[in-house]
Protein backbone atom coordinates (compact mmCIF):
# COMPACT_ATOMS: atom_id res chain seq x y z
CA LYS A 1 13.43 -13.08 13.11
CA LEU A 2 12.44 -9.62 11.51
CA ASP A 3 15.95 -8.32 11.42
CA LYS A 4 16.95 -10.80 8.68
CA PHE A 5 14.54 -8.91 6.32
CA PRO A 6 15.95 -6.00 4.26
CA SER A 7 14.28 -2.71 5.32
CA ILE A 8 11.54 -1.10 3.42
CA SER A 9 11.70 2.65 2.57
CA LYS A 10 8.47 4.50 2.16
CA THR A 11 6.69 7.65 2.71
CA ARG A 12 3.13 7.55 4.08
CA TYR A 13 0.54 10.26 3.41
CA GLN A 14 -3.00 10.49 4.63
CA VAL A 15 -5.65 11.71 2.21
CA GLU A 16 -9.25 12.68 3.16
CA ASN A 17 -11.83 11.70 0.39
CA LYS A 18 -15.48 11.96 0.97
CA GLY A 19 -15.50 11.29 4.72
CA HIS A 20 -12.84 8.61 4.65
CA THR A 21 -9.10 8.61 5.32
CA TRP A 22 -6.86 6.86 2.81
CA GLU A 23 -3.31 5.90 3.80
CA ILE A 24 -1.13 6.28 0.83
CA ASP A 25 2.36 4.58 0.82
CA GLU A 26 4.88 5.86 -1.78
CA PHE A 27 7.77 3.29 -1.79
CA HIS A 28 11.38 4.20 -2.35
CA ASP A 29 14.79 2.42 -3.21
CA VAL A 30 14.18 -1.00 -4.91
CA ASN A 31 10.46 -0.42 -4.69
CA THR A 32 10.45 2.93 -6.34
CA GLY A 33 7.42 3.43 -8.46
CA LEU A 34 5.12 1.57 -6.33
CA VAL A 35 2.30 3.38 -4.59
CA ILE A 36 -0.35 1.68 -2.51
CA ALA A 37 -3.51 3.20 -1.15
CA GLU A 38 -5.37 1.66 1.81
CA ILE A 39 -8.69 2.61 3.50
CA GLU A 40 -9.71 1.63 7.01
CA LEU A 41 -13.44 0.97 7.35
CA GLY A 42 -15.66 0.74 10.39
CA HIS A 43 -17.03 -2.58 9.05
CA GLU A 44 -16.43 -4.82 5.95
CA ASP A 45 -19.73 -3.86 4.27
CA GLU A 46 -19.30 -0.11 4.83
CA ALA A 47 -20.00 1.89 1.62
CA PHE A 48 -17.41 4.26 0.26
CA ASP A 49 -16.62 6.10 -3.02
CA LEU A 50 -13.53 5.02 -5.13
CA PRO A 51 -11.56 8.07 -5.82
CA SER A 52 -10.78 8.58 -9.44
CA TRP A 53 -7.00 8.34 -8.84
CA LEU A 54 -7.30 4.79 -7.44
CA GLY A 55 -5.67 1.95 -9.38
CA GLU A 56 -6.19 -1.84 -9.48
CA GLU A 57 -7.26 -3.74 -6.42
CA VAL A 58 -4.24 -5.60 -4.91
CA THR A 59 -5.62 -6.70 -1.55
CA GLU A 60 -5.31 -10.44 -2.14
CA ASP A 61 -2.07 -10.14 -3.98
CA MET A 62 0.64 -11.30 -1.51
CA ARG A 63 3.32 -9.65 -3.53
CA TYR A 64 2.37 -6.35 -2.07
CA LEU A 65 2.91 -7.27 1.54
CA ASN A 66 5.73 -5.38 3.12
CA SER A 67 7.50 -8.55 4.07
CA ASN A 68 7.34 -9.94 0.51
CA LEU A 69 8.42 -6.54 -0.90
CA ALA A 70 11.63 -6.68 1.15
CA ILE A 71 12.48 -10.04 -0.35
CA HIS A 72 11.09 -9.64 -3.73
CA PRO A 73 11.19 -5.98 -4.60
CA PHE A 74 8.87 -4.24 -7.05
CA SER A 75 11.76 -3.35 -9.35
CA LYS A 76 12.66 -7.14 -9.95
CA TRP A 77 9.09 -8.05 -11.00
């Protein structure tokens, strides 16, 4: 049941970059300091430019899922 998880506080921004829209989540409270960028592509092989402000790739790191951040906040890593 989802109501057993603590809530996640974040602000979402949309940033246009070279024809693609990035969703940027800036986390708050116990996850303050964490900022995650995500891009939606038309297909998995679609080419796109990596913006200079982008950090490390975390797609496969399960720690960054909202459900995991609720239980194991960024500030406790």
